[in-house]
């Protein structure tokens, strides 16, 4: 399975793990109690073992300015590169529905996780309204019944109306080849595997494409603070700053703002 989600270096601290139906993946219990996934080959995790939910809320939802926009009920658009477990998407949609904020959310994923694995992650513990997750999983399961259990079933686009004003699009595609034909986004959650594992998604041309998809004043946020990545983001036109990382997690993360 080709996974296109964020990676940090393997964590050696002993934490509880659980098996999944996929022999390539293990569930990792992280320090804030939330669950993420770990690849059995290489031991790379989809989120920080110091706290998957804490990391996602801080690095993406908060640092991007999306949390502030949604609280102010400003129409908001988000592009996520690497849907992975859907944690950032569900967190963002949950807040948008609770605040009555219109939201357009587009996520790019090369390999969509099966519903059976998603259910093992206890996604309803990530949000204030567990029914949101139940609706999402029902939609996912209907797609699997329609298209077959094996994923991905793409390249394709799947749309879901999560709420009256919250529209989600999942693009099953290689992010390197994908292009947006919509209005620029307010924020990009940039969350592919690390540069050493997925160099194409951190290349200059890829980051330049991301810059073109953000509105002026918009942001690109990511967990990676490597000097070469900061330099590339600056070269394509972002104003780049390090920001404090989540409590108990990475010391610093990255925010790029388009002038």
Protein backbone atom coordinates (compact mmCIF):
# COMPACT_ATOMS: atom_id res chain seq x y z
CA UNK A 1 0.00 0.00 0.00
CA UNK A 2 1.44 3.35 -1.00
CA UNK A 3 0.99 5.65 1.96
CA UNK A 4 1.16 9.40 1.51
CA UNK A 5 0.90 10.78 5.01
CA UNK A 6 3.12 12.57 7.46
CA UNK A 7 6.07 10.78 8.96
CA UNK A 8 8.47 11.48 11.76
CA UNK A 9 11.45 9.38 12.67
CA UNK A 10 10.68 6.08 14.39
CA UNK A 11 10.01 6.54 18.10
CA UNK A 12 11.80 4.10 20.40
CA UNK A 13 9.73 4.80 23.54
CA UNK A 14 7.66 1.79 24.59
CA UNK A 15 3.98 2.43 23.96
CA UNK A 16 0.98 0.17 23.57
CA UNK A 17 0.28 -1.14 20.06
CA UNK A 18 -2.59 -3.08 18.51
CA UNK A 19 -2.79 -5.16 15.36
CA UNK A 20 -4.90 -4.22 12.33
CA UNK A 21 -6.40 -6.19 9.46
CA UNK A 22 -3.52 -4.94 7.31
CA UNK A 23 -0.24 -6.78 8.06
CA UNK A 24 1.66 -3.67 6.98
CA UNK A 25 0.11 -1.42 9.64
CA UNK A 26 -0.07 -1.38 13.44
CA UNK A 27 -2.15 0.90 15.67
CA UNK A 28 -0.01 3.04 17.95
CA UNK A 29 -1.47 4.46 21.17
CA UNK A 30 0.07 7.92 21.57
CA UNK A 31 0.78 9.85 24.75
CA UNK A 32 -2.47 11.87 24.72
CA UNK A 33 -4.49 8.66 24.38
CA UNK A 34 -5.35 9.13 20.72
CA UNK A 35 -4.54 6.47 18.16
CA UNK A 36 -2.44 6.67 15.03
CA UNK A 37 -0.89 4.16 12.64
CA UNK A 38 2.65 2.85 12.34
CA UNK A 39 4.15 1.11 9.35
CA UNK A 40 5.60 -2.27 10.28
CA UNK A 41 8.35 -1.81 7.73
CA UNK A 42 10.50 1.06 8.94
CA UNK A 43 8.38 1.87 11.98
CA UNK A 44 7.22 5.26 10.73
CA UNK A 45 4.13 6.78 12.34
CA UNK A 46 1.37 8.82 10.71
CA UNK A 47 1.47 11.29 13.65
CA UNK A 48 3.67 12.13 16.60
CA UNK A 49 3.75 9.42 19.25
CA UNK A 50 3.84 12.24 21.80
CA UNK A 51 0.18 12.87 20.97
CA UNK A 52 -1.48 12.47 17.58
CA UNK A 53 -4.50 14.62 18.37
CA UNK A 54 -2.43 17.27 20.14
CA UNK A 55 -0.04 17.51 17.20
CA UNK A 56 -2.80 17.77 14.61
CA UNK A 57 -4.69 20.44 16.50
CA UNK A 58 -1.58 22.57 17.06
CA UNK A 59 0.43 22.15 13.85
CA UNK A 60 -2.43 22.26 11.37
CA UNK A 61 -5.73 23.50 12.78
CA UNK A 62 -4.25 26.22 15.01
CA UNK A 63 -1.05 27.34 13.26
CA UNK A 64 -2.77 27.63 9.87
CA UNK A 65 -5.21 30.24 11.14
CA UNK A 66 -8.10 27.92 10.28
CA UNK A 67 -9.17 27.67 13.92
CA UNK A 68 -9.40 31.46 14.13
CA UNK A 69 -11.28 31.77 10.82
CA UNK A 70 -13.80 29.12 11.78
CA UNK A 71 -14.38 30.69 15.20
CA UNK A 72 -15.03 34.02 13.44
CA UNK A 73 -17.44 32.25 11.03
CA UNK A 74 -15.46 33.30 7.97
CA UNK A 75 -15.91 31.16 4.85
CA UNK A 76 -12.89 28.87 4.90
CA UNK A 77 -11.17 26.63 2.38
CA UNK A 78 -8.50 24.05 3.21
CA UNK A 79 -6.31 21.80 1.07
CA UNK A 80 -4.75 18.81 2.78
CA UNK A 81 -1.87 16.94 1.18
CA UNK A 82 -1.99 13.47 2.73
CA UNK A 83 -5.41 12.62 4.20
CA UNK A 84 -4.06 9.60 6.08
CA UNK A 85 -6.28 8.80 9.07
CA UNK A 86 -8.63 11.77 8.34
CA UNK A 87 -7.85 13.26 11.76
CA UNK A 88 -7.19 16.82 10.56
CA UNK A 89 -10.20 16.74 8.26
CA UNK A 90 -12.61 15.51 10.94
CA UNK A 91 -11.26 18.00 13.47
CA UNK A 92 -11.71 20.89 11.03
CA UNK A 93 -15.16 19.83 9.85
CA UNK A 94 -16.32 19.27 13.44
CA UNK A 95 -15.37 22.84 14.37
CA UNK A 96 -16.94 24.29 11.21
CA UNK A 97 -20.27 22.58 11.86
CA UNK A 98 -20.25 23.59 15.53
CA UNK A 99 -19.66 27.25 14.59
CA UNK A 100 -21.93 27.30 11.54
CA UNK A 101 -18.96 28.21 9.32
CA UNK A 102 -19.03 27.43 5.58
CA UNK A 103 -16.12 25.11 4.74
CA UNK A 104 -14.63 23.75 1.54
CA UNK A 105 -12.17 20.97 2.34
CA UNK A 106 -10.15 19.19 -0.35
CA UNK A 107 -7.89 16.28 0.60
CA UNK A 108 -5.42 14.45 -1.63
CA UNK A 109 -4.59 10.85 -0.82
CA UNK A 110 -2.92 8.16 -2.89
CA UNK A 111 -4.19 5.24 -0.80
CA UNK A 112 -7.37 5.64 1.23
CA UNK A 113 -7.40 3.63 4.43
CA UNK A 114 -10.09 0.91 4.57
CA UNK A 115 -13.10 1.66 6.76
CA UNK A 116 -12.29 -1.35 8.95
CA UNK A 117 -8.94 0.16 9.97
CA UNK A 118 -10.51 3.59 10.44
CA UNK A 119 -13.01 2.08 12.88
CA UNK A 120 -10.14 0.66 14.93
CA UNK A 121 -8.71 4.15 15.39
CA UNK A 122 -11.69 5.29 17.49
CA UNK A 123 -12.07 8.42 15.39
CA UNK A 124 -15.19 9.50 17.29
CA UNK A 125 -12.91 10.38 20.22
CA UNK A 126 -11.25 13.08 18.10
CA UNK A 127 -14.31 15.32 17.75
CA UNK A 128 -16.98 17.00 19.87
CA UNK A 129 -19.81 15.44 17.84
CA UNK A 130 -19.27 11.67 17.47
CA UNK A 131 -22.19 11.50 15.04
CA UNK A 132 -20.01 13.31 12.49
CA UNK A 133 -17.63 10.36 12.49
CA UNK A 134 -20.50 7.88 12.32
CA UNK A 135 -21.83 9.66 9.21
CA UNK A 136 -18.37 9.72 7.66
CA UNK A 137 -17.82 6.03 8.30
CA UNK A 138 -21.27 5.15 6.93
CA UNK A 139 -20.39 7.02 3.75
CA UNK A 140 -17.04 5.26 3.52
CA UNK A 141 -18.64 1.86 4.03
CA UNK A 142 -21.26 2.56 1.35
CA UNK A 143 -18.46 3.43 -1.08
CA UNK A 144 -16.69 0.18 -0.29
CA UNK A 145 -19.89 -1.80 -0.87
CA UNK A 146 -20.37 -0.02 -4.18
CA UNK A 147 -16.79 -0.15 -5.45
CA UNK A 148 -15.36 -3.17 -3.69
CA UNK A 149 -13.52 -3.56 -0.42
CA UNK A 150 -10.03 -3.13 -1.82
CA UNK A 151 -8.72 0.43 -1.81
CA UNK A 152 -7.83 2.68 -3.44
CA UNK A 153 -10.49 2.79 -6.10
CA UNK A 154 -9.09 5.64 -8.12
CA UNK A 155 -7.87 7.91 -9.52
CA UNK A 156 -11.21 9.42 -8.65
CA UNK A 157 -12.96 12.19 -6.74
CA UNK A 158 -15.46 11.47 -3.98
CA UNK A 159 -17.66 14.19 -2.50
CA UNK A 160 -19.34 14.24 0.90
CA UNK A 161 -21.65 16.88 2.34
CA UNK A 162 -20.62 16.69 5.98
CA UNK A 163 -23.04 19.45 6.94
CA UNK A 164 -25.35 22.01 5.38
CA UNK A 165 -22.40 24.30 4.57
CA UNK A 166 -19.45 21.92 4.83
CA UNK A 167 -18.42 20.26 1.59
CA UNK A 168 -15.63 17.67 1.46
CA UNK A 169 -13.80 16.35 -1.62
CA UNK A 170 -11.42 13.41 -1.44
CA UNK A 171 -9.14 13.13 -4.48
CA UNK A 172 -7.51 9.72 -4.83
CA UNK A 173 -4.43 10.75 -6.75
CA UNK A 174 -0.68 11.21 -6.62
CA UNK A 175 -0.29 14.70 -5.17
CA UNK A 176 2.68 15.34 -7.48
CA UNK A 177 0.40 15.02 -10.51
CA UNK A 178 -2.69 16.67 -9.05
CA UNK A 179 -3.74 20.21 -9.94
CA UNK A 180 -6.55 22.30 -8.55
CA UNK A 181 -9.12 23.92 -10.81
CA UNK A 182 -10.81 25.77 -7.95
CA UNK A 183 -10.29 29.08 -6.19
CA UNK A 184 -7.12 29.42 -4.08
CA UNK A 185 -7.25 28.03 -0.56
CA UNK A 186 -7.01 29.86 2.74
CA UNK A 187 -4.70 27.20 4.13
CA UNK A 188 -2.76 24.11 3.14
CA UNK A 189 -2.18 21.32 5.64
CA UNK A 190 1.02 19.94 4.13
CA UNK A 191 1.43 16.50 5.64
CA UNK A 192 3.21 13.98 3.39
CA UNK A 193 5.81 11.52 4.59
CA UNK A 194 9.16 13.09 5.45
CA UNK A 195 11.49 14.44 2.74
CA UNK A 196 13.86 11.49 2.95
CA UNK A 197 10.95 9.07 2.41
CA UNK A 198 8.95 10.99 -0.19
CA UNK A 199 11.31 13.55 -1.75
CA UNK A 200 9.09 14.34 -4.74
CA UNK A 201 6.43 15.94 -2.58
CA UNK A 202 9.00 18.26 -1.00
CA UNK A 203 10.66 19.31 -4.27
CA UNK A 204 10.87 22.89 -5.48
CA UNK A 205 8.30 22.37 -8.27
CA UNK A 206 5.83 20.77 -5.84
CA UNK A 207 6.18 23.58 -3.32
CA UNK A 208 5.85 26.16 -6.09
CA UNK A 209 2.58 24.49 -7.08
CA UNK A 210 1.42 24.72 -3.48
CA UNK A 211 2.26 28.44 -3.45
CA UNK A 212 0.05 28.96 -6.51
CA UNK A 213 -2.88 27.29 -4.74
CA UNK A 214 -2.86 29.59 -1.68
CA UNK A 215 -4.56 32.96 -1.67
CA UNK A 216 -2.53 36.04 -0.67
CA UNK A 217 -2.42 36.08 3.11
CA UNK A 218 -3.01 32.34 3.25
CA UNK A 219 -0.77 29.78 4.89
CA UNK A 220 1.01 26.49 4.36
CA UNK A 221 1.74 24.64 7.59
CA UNK A 222 3.84 21.54 8.14
CA UNK A 223 5.73 19.61 10.80
CA UNK A 224 9.05 19.66 8.89
CA UNK A 225 11.55 22.39 9.79
CA UNK A 226 14.58 21.17 7.83
CA UNK A 227 16.72 24.00 6.48
CA UNK A 228 16.44 22.78 2.90
CA UNK A 229 12.62 22.79 3.13
CA UNK A 230 12.57 26.27 4.66
CA UNK A 231 14.83 27.49 1.87
CA UNK A 232 12.66 25.96 -0.85
CA UNK A 233 9.50 27.45 0.60
CA UNK A 234 11.19 30.86 0.72
CA UNK A 235 12.43 30.50 -2.85
CA UNK A 236 8.91 29.87 -4.19
CA UNK A 237 7.54 32.94 -2.41
CA UNK A 238 6.43 32.04 1.12
CA UNK A 239 7.39 34.11 4.16
CA UNK A 240 8.61 31.26 6.37
CA UNK A 241 8.78 31.19 10.15
CA UNK A 242 9.41 28.53 12.73
CA UNK A 243 6.71 28.25 15.36
CA UNK A 244 6.74 26.47 18.72
CA UNK A 245 5.67 22.86 18.45
CA UNK A 246 2.94 21.16 20.48
CA UNK A 247 3.48 20.55 24.18
CA UNK A 248 5.45 17.34 24.61
CA UNK A 249 6.12 17.03 20.89
CA UNK A 250 8.47 18.59 18.35
CA UNK A 251 10.23 21.71 19.60
CA UNK A 252 9.49 23.65 16.41
CA UNK A 253 7.19 23.38 13.39
CA UNK A 254 6.81 25.51 10.26
CA UNK A 255 4.42 28.19 9.02
CA UNK A 256 4.68 29.63 5.52
CA UNK A 257 2.57 32.67 4.67
CA UNK A 258 1.91 33.96 1.15
CA UNK A 259 2.39 37.75 1.01
